[in-house]
């Protein structure tokens, strides 16, 4: 295992983590901005109004994209185990 492989492995790990986290983070950001604008327009200052829509949106995104996320994680895990197997030989 040389330094270029370690850098590749680190970069691939970070890219996979970003790919998995991006849909949920973008959803939280969009829902948060929308609710904040709604609160600013209507002068509603309820703290639960900011959390409940975010939780519902994140749950919906996780439900709809869960299969895709699982596929990405399984491919990454199989690739890592393949590299581990090759290192052992």
PDB file of N, CA and C in Angstrom:
ATOM      1  N   UNK A   1       0.858  -1.180   0.000  1.00  0.00           N
ATOM      2  CA  UNK A   1       0.000   0.000   0.000  1.00  0.00           C
ATOM      3  C   UNK A   1       0.894   1.228   0.000  1.00  0.00           C
ATOM      4  N   UNK A   2       0.814   1.988  -1.064  1.00  0.00           N
ATOM      5  CA  UNK A   2       1.635   3.189  -1.158  1.00  0.00           C
ATOM      6  C   UNK A   2       0.799   4.428  -0.858  1.00  0.00           C
ATOM      7  N   UNK A   3       1.450   5.564  -0.897  1.00  0.00           N
ATOM      8  CA  UNK A   3       0.761   6.806  -0.516  1.00  0.00           C
ATOM      9  C   UNK A   3      -0.317   7.195  -1.523  1.00  0.00           C
ATOM     10  N   UNK A   4      -0.122   6.881  -2.798  1.00  0.00           N
ATOM     11  CA  UNK A   4      -1.143   7.239  -3.788  1.00  0.00           C
ATOM     12  C   UNK A   4      -2.427   6.434  -3.560  1.00  0.00           C
ATOM     13  N   UNK A   5      -2.291   5.178  -3.142  1.00  0.00           N
ATOM     14  CA  UNK A   5      -3.475   4.382  -2.857  1.00  0.00           C
ATOM     15  C   UNK A   5      -4.193   4.892  -1.613  1.00  0.00           C
ATOM     16  N   UNK A   6      -3.421   5.299  -0.614  1.00  0.00           N
ATOM     17  CA  UNK A   6      -4.029   5.857   0.601  1.00  0.00           C
ATOM     18  C   UNK A   6      -4.771   7.148   0.277  1.00  0.00           C
ATOM     19  N   UNK A   7      -4.203   7.989  -0.577  1.00  0.00           N
ATOM     20  CA  UNK A   7      -4.885   9.217  -0.990  1.00  0.00           C
ATOM     21  C   UNK A   7      -6.138   8.910  -1.800  1.00  0.00           C
ATOM     22  N   UNK A   8      -6.054   7.928  -2.686  1.00  0.00           N
ATOM     23  CA  UNK A   8      -7.232   7.524  -3.460  1.00  0.00           C
ATOM     24  C   UNK A   8      -8.336   7.028  -2.538  1.00  0.00           C
ATOM     25  N   UNK A   9      -7.964   6.214  -1.565  1.00  0.00           N
ATOM     26  CA  UNK A   9      -8.936   5.651  -0.638  1.00  0.00           C
ATOM     27  C   UNK A   9      -9.595   6.738   0.199  1.00  0.00           C
ATOM     28  N   UNK A  10      -8.801   7.681   0.682  1.00  0.00           N
ATOM     29  CA  UNK A  10      -9.355   8.797   1.450  1.00  0.00           C
ATOM     30  C   UNK A  10     -10.273   9.665   0.616  1.00  0.00           C
ATOM     31  N   UNK A  11      -9.858   9.952  -0.604  1.00  0.00           N
ATOM     32  CA  UNK A  11     -10.691  10.786  -1.482  1.00  0.00           C
ATOM     33  C   UNK A  11     -11.993  10.072  -1.841  1.00  0.00           C
ATOM     34  N   UNK A  12     -11.908   8.805  -2.146  1.00  0.00           N
ATOM     35  CA  UNK A  12     -13.102   8.041  -2.510  1.00  0.00           C
ATOM     36  C   UNK A  12     -14.065   7.947  -1.324  1.00  0.00           C
ATOM     37  N   UNK A  13     -13.518   7.807  -0.128  1.00  0.00           N
ATOM     38  CA  UNK A  13     -14.349   7.756   1.072  1.00  0.00           C
ATOM     39  C   UNK A  13     -15.072   9.075   1.282  1.00  0.00           C
ATOM     40  N   UNK A  14     -14.362  10.183   1.145  1.00  0.00           N
ATOM     41  CA  UNK A  14     -14.992  11.498   1.318  1.00  0.00           C
ATOM     42  C   UNK A  14     -16.021  11.779   0.228  1.00  0.00           C
ATOM     43  N   UNK A  15     -15.727  11.386  -0.997  1.00  0.00           N
ATOM     44  CA  UNK A  15     -16.692  11.575  -2.083  1.00  0.00           C
ATOM     45  C   UNK A  15     -17.963  10.765  -1.845  1.00  0.00           C
ATOM     46  N   UNK A  16     -17.806   9.548  -1.358  1.00  0.00           N
ATOM     47  CA  UNK A  16     -18.971   8.711  -1.077  1.00  0.00           C
ATOM     48  C   UNK A  16     -19.793   9.305   0.061  1.00  0.00           C
ATOM     49  N   UNK A  17     -19.125   9.777   1.109  1.00  0.00           N
ATOM     50  CA  UNK A  17     -19.839  10.387   2.228  1.00  0.00           C
ATOM     51  C   UNK A  17     -20.582  11.639   1.779  1.00  0.00           C
ATOM     52  N   UNK A  18     -19.963  12.450   0.940  1.00  0.00           N
ATOM     53  CA  UNK A  18     -20.622  13.660   0.422  1.00  0.00           C
ATOM     54  C   UNK A  18     -21.798  13.295  -0.471  1.00  0.00           C
ATOM     55  N   UNK A  19     -21.640  12.282  -1.279  1.00  0.00           N
ATOM     56  CA  UNK A  19     -22.717  11.842  -2.158  1.00  0.00           C
ATOM     57  C   UNK A  19     -23.920  11.351  -1.360  1.00  0.00           C
ATOM     58  N   UNK A  20     -23.660  10.671  -0.249  1.00  0.00           N
ATOM     59  CA  UNK A  20     -24.751  10.164   0.573  1.00  0.00           C
ATOM     60  C   UNK A  20     -25.413  11.270   1.399  1.00  0.00           C
ATOM     61  N   UNK A  21     -24.630  12.230   1.855  1.00  0.00           N
ATOM     62  CA  UNK A  21     -25.166  13.275   2.729  1.00  0.00           C
ATOM     63  C   UNK A  21     -25.819  14.418   1.956  1.00  0.00           C
ATOM     64  N   UNK A  22     -25.435  14.621   0.716  1.00  0.00           N
ATOM     65  CA  UNK A  22     -25.902  15.781  -0.043  1.00  0.00           C
ATOM     66  C   UNK A  22     -27.423  15.877  -0.174  1.00  0.00           C
ATOM     67  N   UNK A  23     -28.143  14.824  -0.517  1.00  0.00           N
ATOM     68  CA  UNK A  23     -29.598  14.978  -0.654  1.00  0.00           C
ATOM     69  C   UNK A  23     -30.282  15.399   0.644  1.00  0.00           C
ATOM     70  N   UNK A  24     -29.839  14.842   1.760  1.00  0.00           N
ATOM     71  CA  UNK A  24     -30.460  15.180   3.036  1.00  0.00           C
ATOM     72  C   UNK A  24     -30.087  16.604   3.447  1.00  0.00           C
ATOM     73  N   UNK A  25     -28.833  16.981   3.258  1.00  0.00           N
ATOM     74  CA  UNK A  25     -28.421  18.335   3.624  1.00  0.00           C
ATOM     75  C   UNK A  25     -29.098  19.398   2.762  1.00  0.00           C
ATOM     76  N   UNK A  26     -29.212  19.136   1.473  1.00  0.00           N
ATOM     77  CA  UNK A  26     -29.881  20.086   0.585  1.00  0.00           C
ATOM     78  C   UNK A  26     -31.359  20.204   0.946  1.00  0.00           C
ATOM     79  N   UNK A  27     -31.982  19.088   1.270  1.00  0.00           N
ATOM     80  CA  UNK A  27     -33.385  19.117   1.680  1.00  0.00           C
ATOM     81  C   UNK A  27     -33.567  19.939   2.945  1.00  0.00           C
ATOM     82  N   UNK A  28     -32.690  19.721   3.934  1.00  0.00           N
ATOM     83  CA  UNK A  28     -32.768  20.516   5.174  1.00  0.00           C
ATOM     84  C   UNK A  28     -32.594  21.997   4.896  1.00  0.00           C
ATOM     85  N   UNK A  29     -31.665  22.334   4.015  1.00  0.00           N
ATOM     86  CA  UNK A  29     -31.422  23.727   3.710  1.00  0.00           C
ATOM     87  C   UNK A  29     -32.626  24.361   3.012  1.00  0.00           C
ATOM     88  N   UNK A  30     -33.176  23.681   2.032  1.00  0.00           N
ATOM     89  CA  UNK A  30     -34.308  24.238   1.292  1.00  0.00           C
ATOM     90  C   UNK A  30     -35.532  24.383   2.187  1.00  0.00           C
ATOM     91  N   UNK A  31     -35.820  23.369   2.977  1.00  0.00           N
ATOM     92  CA  UNK A  31     -36.974  23.445   3.872  1.00  0.00           C
ATOM     93  C   UNK A  31     -36.753  24.506   4.939  1.00  0.00           C
ATOM     94  N   UNK A  32     -35.535  24.605   5.461  1.00  0.00           N
ATOM     95  CA  UNK A  32     -35.230  25.610   6.470  1.00  0.00           C
ATOM     96  C   UNK A  32     -35.402  27.028   5.952  1.00  0.00           C
ATOM     97  N   UNK A  33     -34.914  27.293   4.756  1.00  0.00           N
ATOM     98  CA  UNK A  33     -35.055  28.632   4.167  1.00  0.00           C
ATOM     99  C   UNK A  33     -36.526  28.935   3.881  1.00  0.00           C
ATOM    100  N   UNK A  34     -37.247  27.941   3.373  1.00  0.00           N
ATOM    101  CA  UNK A  34     -38.667  28.144   3.084  1.00  0.00           C
ATOM    102  C   UNK A  34     -39.459  28.451   4.349  1.00  0.00           C
ATOM    103  N   UNK A  35     -39.217  27.692   5.406  1.00  0.00           N
ATOM    104  CA  UNK A  35     -39.941  27.920   6.658  1.00  0.00           C
ATOM    105  C   UNK A  35     -39.543  29.260   7.272  1.00  0.00           C
ATOM    106  N   UNK A  36     -38.282  29.614   7.185  1.00  0.00           N
ATOM    107  CA  UNK A  36     -37.832  30.901   7.712  1.00  0.00           C
ATOM    108  C   UNK A  36     -38.486  32.055   6.966  1.00  0.00           C
ATOM    109  N   UNK A  37     -38.569  31.946   5.644  1.00  0.00           N
ATOM    110  CA  UNK A  37     -39.251  32.990   4.877  1.00  0.00           C
ATOM    111  C   UNK A  37     -40.730  33.059   5.240  1.00  0.00           C
ATOM    112  N   UNK A  38     -41.362  31.914   5.414  1.00  0.00           N
ATOM    113  CA  UNK A  38     -42.758  31.876   5.821  1.00  0.00           C
ATOM    114  C   UNK A  38     -42.940  32.523   7.198  1.00  0.00           C
ATOM    115  N   UNK A  39     -42.027  32.251   8.112  1.00  0.00           N
ATOM    116  CA  UNK A  39     -42.109  32.861   9.438  1.00  0.00           C
ATOM    117  C   UNK A  39     -41.871  34.357   9.378  1.00  0.00           C
ATOM    118  N   UNK A  40     -40.974  34.802   8.523  1.00  0.00           N
ATOM    119  CA  UNK A  40     -40.715  36.230   8.410  1.00  0.00           C
ATOM    120  C   UNK A  40     -41.914  36.969   7.824  1.00  0.00           C
ATOM    121  N   UNK A  41     -42.575  36.336   6.870  1.00  0.00           N
ATOM    122  CA  UNK A  41     -43.728  36.977   6.236  1.00  0.00           C
ATOM    123  C   UNK A  41     -44.924  37.026   7.184  1.00  0.00           C
ATOM    124  N   UNK A  42     -45.134  35.944   7.938  1.00  0.00           N
ATOM    125  CA  UNK A  42     -46.317  35.877   8.791  1.00  0.00           C
ATOM    126  C   UNK A  42     -46.060  36.278  10.239  1.00  0.00           C
ATOM    127  N   UNK A  43     -44.823  36.583  10.591  1.00  0.00           N
ATOM    128  CA  UNK A  43     -44.423  36.958  11.960  1.00  0.00           C
ATOM    129  C   UNK A  43     -44.737  35.873  12.977  1.00  0.00           C
ATOM    130  N   UNK A  44     -44.650  34.623  12.575  1.00  0.00           N
ATOM    131  CA  UNK A  44     -44.832  33.499  13.493  1.00  0.00           C
ATOM    132  C   UNK A  44     -43.469  33.152  14.074  1.00  0.00           C
ATOM    133  N   UNK A  45     -43.388  33.001  15.396  1.00  0.00           N
ATOM    134  CA  UNK A  45     -42.112  32.723  16.052  1.00  0.00           C
ATOM    135  C   UNK A  45     -42.135  31.393  16.806  1.00  0.00           C
ATOM    136  N   UNK A  46     -42.720  30.383  16.258  1.00  0.00           N
ATOM    137  CA  UNK A  46     -42.822  29.088  16.912  1.00  0.00           C
ATOM    138  C   UNK A  46     -41.609  28.242  16.541  1.00  0.00           C
ATOM    139  N   UNK A  47     -40.890  27.722  17.546  1.00  0.00           N
ATOM    140  CA  UNK A  47     -39.682  26.939  17.286  1.00  0.00           C
ATOM    141  C   UNK A  47     -39.995  25.563  16.691  1.00  0.00           C
ATOM    142  N   UNK A  48     -41.146  25.004  17.050  1.00  0.00           N
ATOM    143  CA  UNK A  48     -41.483  23.694  16.491  1.00  0.00           C
ATOM    144  C   UNK A  48     -41.798  23.778  15.014  1.00  0.00           C
ATOM    145  N   UNK A  49     -42.169  24.942  14.549  1.00  0.00           N
ATOM    146  CA  UNK A  49     -42.470  25.111  13.127  1.00  0.00           C
ATOM    147  C   UNK A  49     -41.218  24.938  12.271  1.00  0.00           C
ATOM    148  N   UNK A  50     -40.051  25.157  12.853  1.00  0.00           N
ATOM    149  CA  UNK A  50     -38.831  24.971  12.067  1.00  0.00           C
ATOM    150  C   UNK A  50     -38.360  23.522  12.065  1.00  0.00           C
ATOM    151  N   UNK A  51     -38.601  22.787  13.147  1.00  0.00           N
ATOM    152  CA  UNK A  51     -38.090  21.420  13.238  1.00  0.00           C
ATOM    153  C   UNK A  51     -38.986  20.379  12.570  1.00  0.00           C
ATOM    154  N   UNK A  52     -40.271  20.491  12.754  1.00  0.00           N
ATOM    155  CA  UNK A  52     -41.187  19.454  12.253  1.00  0.00           C
ATOM    156  C   UNK A  52     -41.134  19.332  10.722  1.00  0.00           C
ATOM    157  N   UNK A  53     -41.192  20.415   9.960  1.00  0.00           N
ATOM    158  CA  UNK A  53     -41.092  20.244   8.501  1.00  0.00           C
ATOM    159  C   UNK A  53     -39.752  19.664   8.057  1.00  0.00           C
ATOM    160  N   UNK A  54     -38.671  20.040   8.747  1.00  0.00           N
ATOM    161  CA  UNK A  54     -37.372  19.476   8.394  1.00  0.00           C
ATOM    162  C   UNK A  54     -37.339  17.980   8.650  1.00  0.00           C
ATOM    163  N   UNK A  55     -37.862  17.550   9.791  1.00  0.00           N
ATOM    164  CA  UNK A  55     -37.886  16.121  10.094  1.00  0.00           C
ATOM    165  C   UNK A  55     -38.732  15.347   9.097  1.00  0.00           C
ATOM    166  N   UNK A  56     -39.875  15.896   8.743  1.00  0.00           N
ATOM    167  CA  UNK A  56     -40.736  15.236   7.757  1.00  0.00           C
ATOM    168  C   UNK A  56     -40.062  15.158   6.387  1.00  0.00           C
ATOM    169  N   UNK A  57     -39.412  16.251   5.989  1.00  0.00           N
ATOM    170  CA  UNK A  57     -38.739  16.276   4.687  1.00  0.00           C
ATOM    171  C   UNK A  57     -37.561  15.304   4.655  1.00  0.00           C
ATOM    172  N   UNK A  58     -36.779  15.267   5.734  1.00  0.00           N
ATOM    173  CA  UNK A  58     -35.644  14.340   5.787  1.00  0.00           C
ATOM    174  C   UNK A  58     -36.145  12.896   5.787  1.00  0.00           C
ATOM    175  N   UNK A  59     -37.221  12.631   6.501  1.00  0.00           N
ATOM    176  CA  UNK A  59     -37.800  11.287   6.489  1.00  0.00           C
ATOM    177  C   UNK A  59     -38.263  10.889   5.100  1.00  0.00           C
ATOM    178  N   UNK A  60     -38.888  11.823   4.385  1.00  0.00           N
ATOM    179  CA  UNK A  60     -39.353  11.525   3.027  1.00  0.00           C
ATOM    180  C   UNK A  60     -38.181  11.277   2.082  1.00  0.00           C
ATOM    181  N   UNK A  61     -37.140  12.097   2.194  1.00  0.00           N
ATOM    182  CA  UNK A  61     -35.959  11.912   1.336  1.00  0.00           C
ATOM    183  C   UNK A  61     -35.282  10.583   1.646  1.00  0.00           C
ATOM    184  N   UNK A  62     -35.162  10.257   2.930  1.00  0.00           N
ATOM    185  CA  UNK A  62     -34.548   8.982   3.303  1.00  0.00           C
ATOM    186  C   UNK A  62     -35.396   7.808   2.805  1.00  0.00           C
ATOM    187  N   UNK A  63     -36.706   7.957   2.829  1.00  0.00           N
ATOM    188  CA  UNK A  63     -37.590   6.897   2.355  1.00  0.00           C
ATOM    189  C   UNK A  63     -37.464   6.715   0.839  1.00  0.00           C
ATOM    190  N   UNK A  64     -37.446   7.819   0.105  1.00  0.00           N
ATOM    191  CA  UNK A  64     -37.395   7.729  -1.353  1.00  0.00           C
ATOM    192  C   UNK A  64     -36.008   7.371  -1.882  1.00  0.00           C
ATOM    193  N   UNK A  65     -34.950   7.868  -1.229  1.00  0.00           N
ATOM    194  CA  UNK A  65     -33.596   7.636  -1.723  1.00  0.00           C
ATOM    195  C   UNK A  65     -32.836   6.579  -0.931  1.00  0.00           C
ATOM    196  N   UNK A  66     -33.513   5.912  -0.004  1.00  0.00           N
ATOM    197  CA  UNK A  66     -32.843   4.921   0.827  1.00  0.00           C
ATOM    198  C   UNK A  66     -32.255   3.766   0.038  1.00  0.00           C
ATOM    199  N   UNK A  67     -32.977   3.291  -0.965  1.00  0.00           N
ATOM    200  CA  UNK A  67     -32.469   2.196  -1.792  1.00  0.00           C
ATOM    201  C   UNK A  67     -31.225   2.588  -2.566  1.00  0.00           C
ATOM    202  N   UNK A  68     -31.244   3.787  -3.105  1.00  0.00           N
ATOM    203  CA  UNK A  68     -30.079   4.294  -3.836  1.00  0.00           C
ATOM    204  C   UNK A  68     -28.887   4.464  -2.897  1.00  0.00           C
ATOM    205  N   UNK A  69     -29.146   5.004  -1.701  1.00  0.00           N
ATOM    206  CA  UNK A  69     -28.073   5.188  -0.720  1.00  0.00           C
ATOM    207  C   UNK A  69     -27.484   3.840  -0.300  1.00  0.00           C
ATOM    208  N   UNK A  70     -28.338   2.856  -0.089  1.00  0.00           N
ATOM    209  CA  UNK A  70     -27.868   1.519   0.266  1.00  0.00           C
ATOM    210  C   UNK A  70     -27.030   0.920  -0.853  1.00  0.00           C
ATOM    211  N   UNK A  71     -27.438   1.137  -2.082  1.00  0.00           N
ATOM    212  CA  UNK A  71     -26.680   0.640  -3.239  1.00  0.00           C
ATOM    213  C   UNK A  71     -25.285   1.271  -3.268  1.00  0.00           C
ATOM    214  N   UNK A  72     -25.188   2.572  -3.027  1.00  0.00           N
ATOM    215  CA  UNK A  72     -23.900   3.272  -3.021  1.00  0.00           C
ATOM    216  C   UNK A  72     -23.004   2.726  -1.908  1.00  0.00           C
ATOM    217  N   UNK A  73     -23.573   2.543  -0.711  1.00  0.00           N
ATOM    218  CA  UNK A  73     -22.789   2.040   0.421  1.00  0.00           C
ATOM    219  C   UNK A  73     -22.315   0.610   0.162  1.00  0.00           C
ATOM    220  N   UNK A  74     -23.173  -0.224  -0.407  1.00  0.00           N
ATOM    221  CA  UNK A  74     -22.772  -1.602  -0.689  1.00  0.00           C
ATOM    222  C   UNK A  74     -21.680  -1.671  -1.752  1.00  0.00           C
ATOM    223  N   UNK A  75     -21.778  -0.848  -2.789  1.00  0.00           N
ATOM    224  CA  UNK A  75     -20.716  -0.810  -3.798  1.00  0.00           C
ATOM    225  C   UNK A  75     -19.388  -0.361  -3.193  1.00  0.00           C
ATOM    226  N   UNK A  76     -19.449   0.660  -2.342  1.00  0.00           N
ATOM    227  CA  UNK A  76     -18.242   1.153  -1.687  1.00  0.00           C
ATOM    228  C   UNK A  76     -17.643   0.073  -0.778  1.00  0.00           C
ATOM    229  N   UNK A  77     -18.489  -0.609  -0.020  1.00  0.00           N
ATOM    230  CA  UNK A  77     -18.014  -1.650   0.882  1.00  0.00           C
ATOM    231  C   UNK A  77     -17.399  -2.815   0.112  1.00  0.00           C
ATOM    232  N   UNK A  78     -18.041  -3.220  -0.972  1.00  0.00           N
ATOM    233  CA  UNK A  78     -17.478  -4.300  -1.799  1.00  0.00           C
ATOM    234  C   UNK A  78     -16.137  -3.900  -2.386  1.00  0.00           C
ATOM    235  N   UNK A  79     -16.010  -2.650  -2.804  1.00  0.00           N
ATOM    236  CA  UNK A  79     -14.736  -2.179  -3.346  1.00  0.00           C
ATOM    237  C   UNK A  79     -13.647  -2.186  -2.272  1.00  0.00           C
ATOM    238  N   UNK A  80     -13.984  -1.732  -1.076  1.00  0.00           N
ATOM    239  CA  UNK A  80     -13.010  -1.710   0.012  1.00  0.00           C
ATOM    240  C   UNK A  80     -12.575  -3.133   0.380  1.00  0.00           C
ATOM    241  N   UNK A  81     -13.541  -4.054   0.491  1.00  0.00           N
ATOM    242  CA  UNK A  81     -13.187  -5.429   0.811  1.00  0.00           C
ATOM    243  C   UNK A  81     -12.372  -6.068  -0.306  1.00  0.00           C
ATOM    244  N   UNK A  82     -12.621  -5.690  -1.550  1.00  0.00           N
ATOM    245  CA  UNK A  82     -11.801  -6.178  -2.666  1.00  0.00           C
ATOM    246  C   UNK A  82     -10.365  -5.699  -2.548  1.00  0.00           C
ATOM    247  N   UNK A  83     -10.186  -4.429  -2.133  1.00  0.00           N
ATOM    248  CA  UNK A  83      -8.833  -3.905  -1.939  1.00  0.00           C
ATOM    249  C   UNK A  83      -8.147  -4.608  -0.768  1.00  0.00           C
ATOM    250  N   UNK A  84      -8.897  -4.880   0.292  1.00  0.00           N
ATOM    251  CA  UNK A  84      -8.326  -5.574   1.445  1.00  0.00           C
ATOM    252  C   UNK A  84      -7.882  -6.981   1.044  1.00  0.00           C
ATOM    253  N   UNK A  85      -8.696  -7.642   0.232  1.00  0.00           N
ATOM    254  CA  UNK A  85      -8.353  -8.978  -0.228  1.00  0.00           C
ATOM    255  C   UNK A  85      -7.093  -8.952  -1.090  1.00  0.00           C
ATOM    256  N   UNK A  86      -6.960  -7.929  -1.931  1.00  0.00           N
ATOM    257  CA  UNK A  86      -5.766  -7.830  -2.789  1.00  0.00           C
ATOM    258  C   UNK A  86      -4.522  -7.496  -1.989  1.00  0.00           C
ATOM    259  N   UNK A  87      -4.667  -6.764  -0.899  1.00  0.00           N
ATOM    260  CA  UNK A  87      -3.510  -6.415  -0.080  1.00  0.00           C
ATOM    261  C   UNK A  87      -2.976  -7.673   0.605  1.00  0.00           C
ATOM    262  N   UNK A  88      -3.869  -8.579   0.985  1.00  0.00           N
ATOM    263  CA  UNK A  88      -3.459  -9.799   1.674  1.00  0.00           C
ATOM    264  C   UNK A  88      -2.641 -10.739   0.819  1.00  0.00           C
ATOM    265  N   UNK A  89      -2.756 -10.643  -0.497  1.00  0.00           N
ATOM    266  CA  UNK A  89      -2.025 -11.571  -1.371  1.00  0.00           C
ATOM    267  C   UNK A  89      -0.655 -11.106  -1.672  1.00  0.00           C
TER     268      UNK A  89
END
